[in-house]
Amino acid sequence: MTPEPRDGRIRLTILGGYLGSGKTTWLRHQLHAGAFGPRVHVIVNEAAETPVDDALLAGAGGVTLLAGGCCCCTGRAALIGALRTICDARSRLAASAPRLERIVLETSGLADPGAIVAAVQADPVLVSHIVLVETIVTVDALHALAQLATEPLGRRQIGAADRLVLTKVDTAEPQALAVLRATLGEINGHAALSAAVLGVEVALPPQPTDARPAPLPLLPDEDARGPIRPAQVTLPEGLDWSAFAVWLSALLHARGDDLVRVKGVIRTPAGRFLLQTVRKVVQSPEILPEQGDARQDNSIVFIGRGYRPEDLGRSMHRFLGLPSA
């Protein structure tokens, strides 16, 4: 972790973590608790064209959305442009005006934080206005061991961290949690380690002295099954929600290892719900306030590999007896 700057530059915190690891939940609580100070701007990067997470961070002092590409690669130019815009706006303020102190960049679950750091540091304008102070990576205590066994990106994310935040520790088996902690120490022994449940910090149990890291296989840089990509499915008007739930359950049962993340805002007779899954696990739906961007309603983003995006919509329409999309 870089020491806090004294030269007036904006402090940058990068928040990374694999798909479904709880980045937004953790960040929402930190913003509510004022952990990043009173003057903070949040940049939300989502690989999908239709985002969800920015609607959940309305408590931030300012929010910039970067959708449709990871800011470590295809969305890198958009990220640099957004950071320059923020710096320009801050520079134009009068010396006596309250000035932005921190930027928190919530990356896509597909992003490599190390590549983002390199891009910012390589920009001659940004290095004079922004200094990286910390890279935080959230780690899903339920799914991380399986992800680390198969996903090289997950290992790169953890290796780039100054601080690791274990999420969902309340539902993890104690022995599996101990193995995961030992494995994280093997990958990145210098990172500070803490834990959170629904964004709230909790104490980690004492680590058993006999805990050993999981034996992780050597992985190529790219998965043989192909890259992880987002696919968007728009739900039709008048959808039978019971039938949709059955279709989604069947899809996750059959392809849950390929569909690493499902997220969307759906409008039901009971209100607006945030739908989220991590592999085959469906998280409890969260009721959202009525205010918000209605264009996000009834648009579900599937993130995974090993299938064609158009097949998802075709499967749903066929299962529900709807006309072809």
Protein backbone atom coordinates (compact mmCIF):
# COMPACT_ATOMS: atom_id res chain seq x y z
CA MET A 1 0.00 0.00 0.00
CA THR A 2 1.33 3.42 -0.98
CA PRO A 3 1.53 5.97 1.87
CA GLU A 4 -1.16 8.64 1.83
CA PRO A 5 0.03 11.46 -0.47
CA ARG A 6 0.75 14.94 0.87
CA ASP A 7 1.19 16.64 -2.48
CA GLY A 8 -2.47 17.32 -3.26
CA ARG A 9 -2.94 14.51 -5.74
CA ILE A 10 -6.17 12.51 -5.76
CA ARG A 11 -5.89 9.17 -3.98
CA LEU A 12 -6.97 6.23 -6.11
CA THR A 13 -8.28 2.98 -4.64
CA ILE A 14 -8.80 0.07 -7.02
CA LEU A 15 -11.44 -2.43 -5.93
CA GLY A 16 -11.18 -5.74 -7.75
CA GLY A 17 -12.37 -9.29 -7.33
CA TYR A 18 -13.74 -12.15 -9.33
CA LEU A 19 -17.31 -12.27 -10.63
CA GLY A 20 -19.79 -12.47 -7.75
CA SER A 21 -17.24 -11.94 -5.00
CA GLY A 22 -19.25 -9.12 -3.40
CA LYS A 23 -17.42 -5.97 -4.51
CA THR A 24 -20.50 -3.77 -4.74
CA THR A 25 -22.01 -5.00 -1.47
CA TRP A 26 -18.76 -4.30 0.33
CA LEU A 27 -18.32 -0.90 -1.33
CA ARG A 28 -21.87 0.22 -0.54
CA HIS A 29 -21.25 -0.33 3.16
CA GLN A 30 -17.87 1.42 3.08
CA LEU A 31 -19.41 4.46 1.42
CA HIS A 32 -22.25 4.51 3.96
CA ALA A 33 -19.75 4.30 6.81
CA GLY A 34 -17.58 7.06 5.33
CA ALA A 35 -14.53 4.80 5.06
CA PHE A 36 -13.19 6.71 2.05
CA GLY A 37 -13.77 10.20 3.42
CA PRO A 38 -16.34 12.88 2.60
CA ARG A 39 -15.26 13.71 -0.95
CA VAL A 40 -15.08 10.53 -3.00
CA HIS A 41 -15.96 9.78 -6.62
CA VAL A 42 -16.78 6.21 -7.64
CA ILE A 43 -16.07 4.83 -11.10
CA VAL A 44 -18.02 1.65 -11.86
CA ASN A 45 -16.77 -0.54 -14.68
CA GLU A 46 -18.98 -3.33 -15.99
CA ALA A 47 -18.21 -5.57 -18.92
CA ALA A 48 -21.88 -5.67 -19.95
CA GLU A 49 -23.52 -2.95 -22.03
CA THR A 50 -26.44 -2.70 -19.59
CA PRO A 51 -25.04 -2.14 -16.09
CA VAL A 52 -26.55 -2.73 -12.66
CA ASP A 53 -23.97 -1.82 -10.05
CA ASP A 54 -24.03 1.96 -10.61
CA ALA A 55 -27.70 2.01 -9.54
CA LEU A 56 -26.67 0.54 -6.19
CA LEU A 57 -24.06 3.19 -5.36
CA ALA A 58 -26.23 6.29 -5.29
CA GLY A 59 -24.74 7.25 -1.91
CA ALA A 60 -21.40 8.20 -3.43
CA GLY A 61 -20.49 11.85 -3.93
CA GLY A 62 -20.31 11.20 -7.67
CA VAL A 63 -20.57 8.14 -9.88
CA THR A 64 -19.12 7.60 -13.35
CA LEU A 65 -20.22 4.54 -15.30
CA LEU A 66 -17.99 2.73 -17.78
CA ALA A 67 -19.97 -0.07 -19.45
CA GLY A 68 -19.36 -2.37 -22.36
CA GLY A 69 -15.73 -3.37 -21.83
CA CYS A 70 -13.19 -4.13 -19.11
CA CYS A 71 -11.09 -1.11 -18.20
CA CYS A 72 -7.94 -3.23 -18.17
CA CYS A 73 -8.17 -3.94 -21.91
CA THR A 74 -11.02 -2.99 -24.30
CA GLY A 75 -12.28 -0.24 -21.99
CA ARG A 76 -8.86 1.15 -21.10
CA ALA A 77 -9.17 4.29 -23.23
CA ALA A 78 -12.57 5.07 -21.69
CA LEU A 79 -11.09 4.73 -18.19
CA ILE A 80 -8.18 7.06 -18.97
CA GLY A 81 -10.60 9.56 -20.49
CA ALA A 82 -12.89 9.43 -17.44
CA LEU A 83 -9.99 9.92 -15.03
CA ARG A 84 -8.71 12.88 -17.06
CA THR A 85 -12.18 14.45 -17.03
CA ILE A 86 -12.37 14.14 -13.24
CA CYS A 87 -8.91 15.66 -12.85
CA ASP A 88 -9.74 18.55 -15.20
CA ALA A 89 -12.94 19.36 -13.28
CA ARG A 90 -11.03 19.36 -10.00
CA SER A 91 -8.30 21.62 -11.39
CA ARG A 92 -10.85 24.24 -12.46
CA LEU A 93 -12.18 24.67 -8.92
CA ALA A 94 -11.20 27.69 -6.91
CA ALA A 95 -8.44 27.06 -4.39
CA SER A 96 -10.86 27.63 -1.49
CA ALA A 97 -13.53 25.22 -2.80
CA PRO A 98 -13.90 21.71 -1.39
CA ARG A 99 -11.86 19.44 -3.64
CA LEU A 100 -12.21 15.79 -4.53
CA GLU A 101 -9.91 13.70 -2.35
CA ARG A 102 -10.39 10.13 -3.51
CA ILE A 103 -11.47 8.04 -6.48
CA VAL A 104 -12.63 4.46 -5.96
CA LEU A 105 -12.57 2.37 -9.12
CA GLU A 106 -14.81 -0.69 -8.87
CA THR A 107 -13.54 -2.90 -11.65
CA SER A 108 -15.39 -5.48 -13.68
CA GLY A 109 -15.14 -9.01 -12.32
CA LEU A 110 -13.18 -9.82 -15.47
CA ALA A 111 -10.51 -7.15 -14.93
CA ASP A 112 -6.87 -7.58 -14.01
CA PRO A 113 -6.00 -4.84 -11.46
CA GLY A 114 -2.32 -5.03 -12.38
CA ALA A 115 -3.06 -3.98 -15.96
CA ILE A 116 -5.11 -1.03 -14.72
CA VAL A 117 -2.30 0.17 -12.46
CA ALA A 118 0.14 -0.01 -15.37
CA ALA A 119 -2.23 1.98 -17.64
CA VAL A 120 -2.69 4.78 -15.09
CA GLN A 121 1.01 5.03 -14.31
CA ALA A 122 1.88 5.13 -18.01
CA ASP A 123 -0.31 8.19 -18.65
CA PRO A 124 1.78 11.39 -18.37
CA VAL A 125 -1.23 13.51 -17.37
CA LEU A 126 -2.68 11.22 -14.73
CA VAL A 127 0.54 10.58 -12.85
CA SER A 128 0.70 14.27 -11.93
CA HIS A 129 -2.88 14.30 -10.61
CA ILE A 130 -3.53 10.80 -9.23
CA VAL A 131 -1.62 8.46 -6.94
CA LEU A 132 -2.59 4.85 -6.28
CA VAL A 133 -2.82 4.21 -2.55
CA GLU A 134 -4.37 0.75 -2.39
CA THR A 135 -5.62 -2.20 -4.42
CA ILE A 136 -8.35 -4.11 -2.60
CA VAL A 137 -9.62 -7.47 -3.87
CA THR A 138 -12.71 -9.21 -2.55
CA VAL A 139 -12.58 -13.00 -2.34
CA ASP A 140 -15.67 -15.22 -2.25
CA ALA A 141 -15.13 -17.63 0.65
CA LEU A 142 -17.64 -20.10 -0.84
CA HIS A 143 -16.34 -20.31 -4.40
CA ALA A 144 -12.77 -19.02 -4.44
CA LEU A 145 -11.01 -22.38 -4.09
CA ALA A 146 -12.82 -23.77 -7.12
CA GLN A 147 -12.17 -20.58 -9.08
CA LEU A 148 -8.48 -20.56 -8.23
CA ALA A 149 -8.17 -24.14 -9.43
CA THR A 150 -9.46 -23.25 -12.91
CA GLU A 151 -9.23 -19.48 -13.49
CA PRO A 152 -5.81 -17.84 -13.99
CA LEU A 153 -7.50 -14.43 -13.80
CA GLY A 154 -8.56 -15.08 -10.21
CA ARG A 155 -4.95 -15.77 -9.28
CA ARG A 156 -3.76 -12.58 -10.99
CA GLN A 157 -6.37 -10.53 -9.14
CA ILE A 158 -5.28 -11.87 -5.77
CA GLY A 159 -1.60 -11.44 -6.62
CA ALA A 160 -2.15 -7.73 -7.34
CA ALA A 161 -3.83 -6.95 -4.01
CA ASP A 162 -2.59 -4.88 -1.09
CA ARG A 163 -5.63 -6.00 0.89
CA LEU A 164 -7.84 -9.05 0.55
CA VAL A 165 -11.39 -9.01 1.91
CA LEU A 166 -12.95 -12.43 2.42
CA THR A 167 -16.70 -12.27 1.83
CA LYS A 168 -19.51 -14.71 2.74
CA VAL A 169 -17.41 -16.17 5.56
CA ASP A 170 -20.56 -16.79 7.60
CA THR A 171 -21.62 -19.55 5.18
CA ALA A 172 -18.21 -21.15 4.56
CA GLU A 173 -17.17 -24.39 6.23
CA PRO A 174 -14.44 -23.72 8.83
CA GLN A 175 -12.02 -26.25 7.32
CA ALA A 176 -12.52 -24.94 3.78
CA LEU A 177 -12.07 -21.37 5.04
CA ALA A 178 -8.78 -22.34 6.71
CA VAL A 179 -7.53 -23.96 3.48
CA LEU A 180 -8.55 -20.88 1.49
CA ARG A 181 -6.70 -18.56 3.85
CA ALA A 182 -3.58 -20.68 3.57
CA THR A 183 -3.93 -20.70 -0.23
CA LEU A 184 -4.29 -16.92 -0.36
CA GLY A 185 -1.15 -16.63 1.74
CA GLU A 186 0.66 -18.85 -0.73
CA ILE A 187 -0.42 -16.68 -3.69
CA ASN A 188 0.06 -13.31 -2.01
CA GLY A 189 1.69 -13.40 1.39
CA HIS A 190 2.10 -9.64 1.75
CA ALA A 191 -1.58 -8.69 1.45
CA ALA A 192 -3.52 -7.77 4.57
CA LEU A 193 -6.48 -10.08 5.15
CA SER A 194 -9.88 -9.20 6.61
CA ALA A 195 -13.43 -10.51 6.37
CA ALA A 196 -16.90 -9.11 5.80
CA VAL A 197 -20.49 -10.30 5.78
CA LEU A 198 -22.87 -8.23 3.63
CA GLY A 199 -20.25 -5.50 3.61
CA VAL A 200 -19.85 -5.34 7.39
CA GLU A 201 -16.43 -6.23 8.75
CA VAL A 202 -16.31 -9.34 10.96
CA ALA A 203 -13.48 -11.02 12.80
CA LEU A 204 -11.79 -14.02 11.26
CA PRO A 205 -11.53 -17.11 13.47
CA PRO A 206 -8.08 -18.20 14.63
CA GLN A 207 -6.23 -19.92 11.81
CA PRO A 208 -5.43 -23.58 12.61
CA THR A 209 -1.70 -24.20 12.79
CA ASP A 210 -2.00 -27.28 10.60
CA ALA A 211 -3.89 -25.54 7.74
CA ARG A 212 -2.22 -26.14 4.39
CA PRO A 213 -2.82 -24.45 1.02
CA ALA A 214 -4.75 -26.27 -1.68
CA PRO A 215 -2.57 -27.80 -4.41
CA LEU A 216 -3.28 -25.55 -7.38
CA PRO A 217 -2.48 -26.90 -10.84
CA LEU A 218 -0.42 -24.97 -13.32
CA LEU A 219 -2.69 -23.09 -15.72
CA PRO A 220 -2.14 -21.59 -19.15
CA ASP A 221 -2.77 -17.89 -19.49
CA GLU A 222 -5.99 -18.56 -21.42
CA ASP A 223 -8.66 -21.12 -20.59
CA ALA A 224 -9.13 -23.76 -23.29
CA ARG A 225 -12.91 -23.29 -23.07
CA GLY A 226 -12.58 -19.77 -24.45
CA PRO A 227 -12.88 -16.31 -22.90
CA ILE A 228 -15.52 -15.27 -20.38
CA ARG A 229 -17.98 -12.94 -22.10
CA PRO A 230 -21.14 -11.07 -21.09
CA ALA A 231 -24.47 -11.75 -22.81
CA GLN A 232 -27.63 -9.72 -22.27
CA VAL A 233 -31.19 -11.07 -22.35
CA THR A 234 -34.17 -8.71 -22.25
CA LEU A 235 -37.23 -10.17 -20.54
CA PRO A 236 -40.52 -9.75 -22.41
CA GLU A 237 -43.53 -7.90 -21.04
CA GLY A 238 -46.04 -9.99 -19.13
CA LEU A 239 -43.49 -12.66 -18.26
CA ASP A 240 -44.68 -15.62 -16.19
CA TRP A 241 -42.27 -15.26 -13.28
CA SER A 242 -42.81 -18.76 -11.93
CA ALA A 243 -41.96 -20.26 -15.31
CA PHE A 244 -38.94 -17.95 -15.62
CA ALA A 245 -37.67 -19.11 -12.22
CA VAL A 246 -37.98 -22.75 -13.32
CA TRP A 247 -36.08 -22.01 -16.56
CA LEU A 248 -33.31 -20.18 -14.70
CA SER A 249 -32.99 -22.99 -12.14
CA ALA A 250 -32.73 -25.57 -14.91
CA LEU A 251 -30.15 -23.46 -16.75
CA LEU A 252 -27.99 -23.07 -13.65
CA HIS A 253 -28.25 -26.78 -12.89
CA ALA A 254 -27.13 -27.72 -16.39
CA ARG A 255 -24.59 -24.94 -17.11
CA GLY A 256 -23.76 -23.48 -13.70
CA ASP A 257 -20.04 -24.15 -14.08
CA ASP A 258 -20.01 -22.19 -17.36
CA LEU A 259 -22.31 -19.39 -16.19
CA VAL A 260 -20.13 -17.87 -13.52
CA ARG A 261 -22.37 -14.84 -12.91
CA VAL A 262 -25.95 -13.74 -13.55
CA LYS A 263 -27.13 -10.27 -12.56
CA GLY A 264 -30.06 -8.04 -13.39
CA VAL A 265 -32.91 -5.87 -12.16
CA ILE A 266 -36.32 -7.42 -12.76
CA ARG A 267 -39.69 -5.80 -12.28
CA THR A 268 -42.25 -8.14 -10.76
CA PRO A 269 -45.76 -7.61 -9.36
CA ALA A 270 -44.08 -7.36 -5.94
CA GLY A 271 -41.67 -4.59 -7.03
CA ARG A 272 -38.15 -4.21 -8.40
CA PHE A 273 -35.78 -7.01 -7.47
CA LEU A 274 -32.03 -7.39 -7.83
CA LEU A 275 -31.35 -10.89 -9.16
CA GLN A 276 -27.85 -12.30 -8.64
CA THR A 277 -26.28 -15.74 -8.96
CA VAL A 278 -22.74 -17.04 -8.57
CA ARG A 279 -22.34 -20.24 -10.55
CA LYS A 280 -25.17 -22.50 -9.31
CA VAL A 281 -25.99 -20.48 -6.19
CA VAL A 282 -28.91 -18.02 -6.39
CA GLN A 283 -28.54 -15.22 -3.86
CA SER A 284 -31.58 -13.96 -1.97
CA PRO A 285 -33.32 -11.31 -4.10
CA GLU A 286 -32.94 -7.75 -2.86
CA ILE A 287 -35.81 -5.27 -3.08
CA LEU A 288 -34.70 -2.07 -4.79
CA PRO A 289 -36.24 1.39 -4.46
CA GLU A 290 -38.59 2.52 -7.18
CA GLN A 291 -36.41 5.48 -8.07
CA GLY A 292 -33.64 4.59 -10.46
CA ASP A 293 -32.99 4.15 -14.14
CA ALA A 294 -36.00 2.20 -15.44
CA ARG A 295 -34.02 1.31 -18.57
CA GLN A 296 -32.17 -1.25 -16.47
CA ASP A 297 -35.37 -3.12 -15.56
CA ASN A 298 -35.97 -6.59 -17.02
CA SER A 299 -32.49 -6.82 -18.53
CA ILE A 300 -30.47 -9.79 -17.31
CA VAL A 301 -26.72 -10.08 -17.89
CA PHE A 302 -25.21 -13.58 -18.11
CA ILE A 303 -21.43 -13.80 -17.81
CA GLY A 304 -19.74 -17.05 -18.73
CA ARG A 305 -18.18 -19.16 -21.45
CA GLY A 306 -18.82 -22.19 -23.61
CA TYR A 307 -22.09 -21.07 -25.21
CA ARG A 308 -23.32 -18.59 -27.78
CA PRO A 309 -25.05 -15.53 -26.29
CA GLU A 310 -28.02 -15.82 -28.66
CA ASP A 311 -28.68 -19.35 -27.41
CA LEU A 312 -29.76 -18.03 -23.99
CA GLY A 313 -32.60 -15.91 -25.34
CA ARG A 314 -33.66 -18.67 -27.71
CA SER A 315 -33.72 -21.19 -24.87
CA MET A 316 -35.79 -18.93 -22.62
CA HIS A 317 -38.33 -18.14 -25.32
CA ARG A 318 -38.71 -21.79 -26.26
CA PHE A 319 -39.10 -22.91 -22.64
CA LEU A 320 -41.70 -20.22 -21.87
CA GLY A 321 -43.59 -20.81 -25.15
CA LEU A 322 -42.88 -17.28 -26.38
CA PRO A 323 -42.32 -16.17 -29.99
CA SER A 324 -38.69 -16.28 -31.06
CA ALA A 325 -36.69 -13.20 -30.09
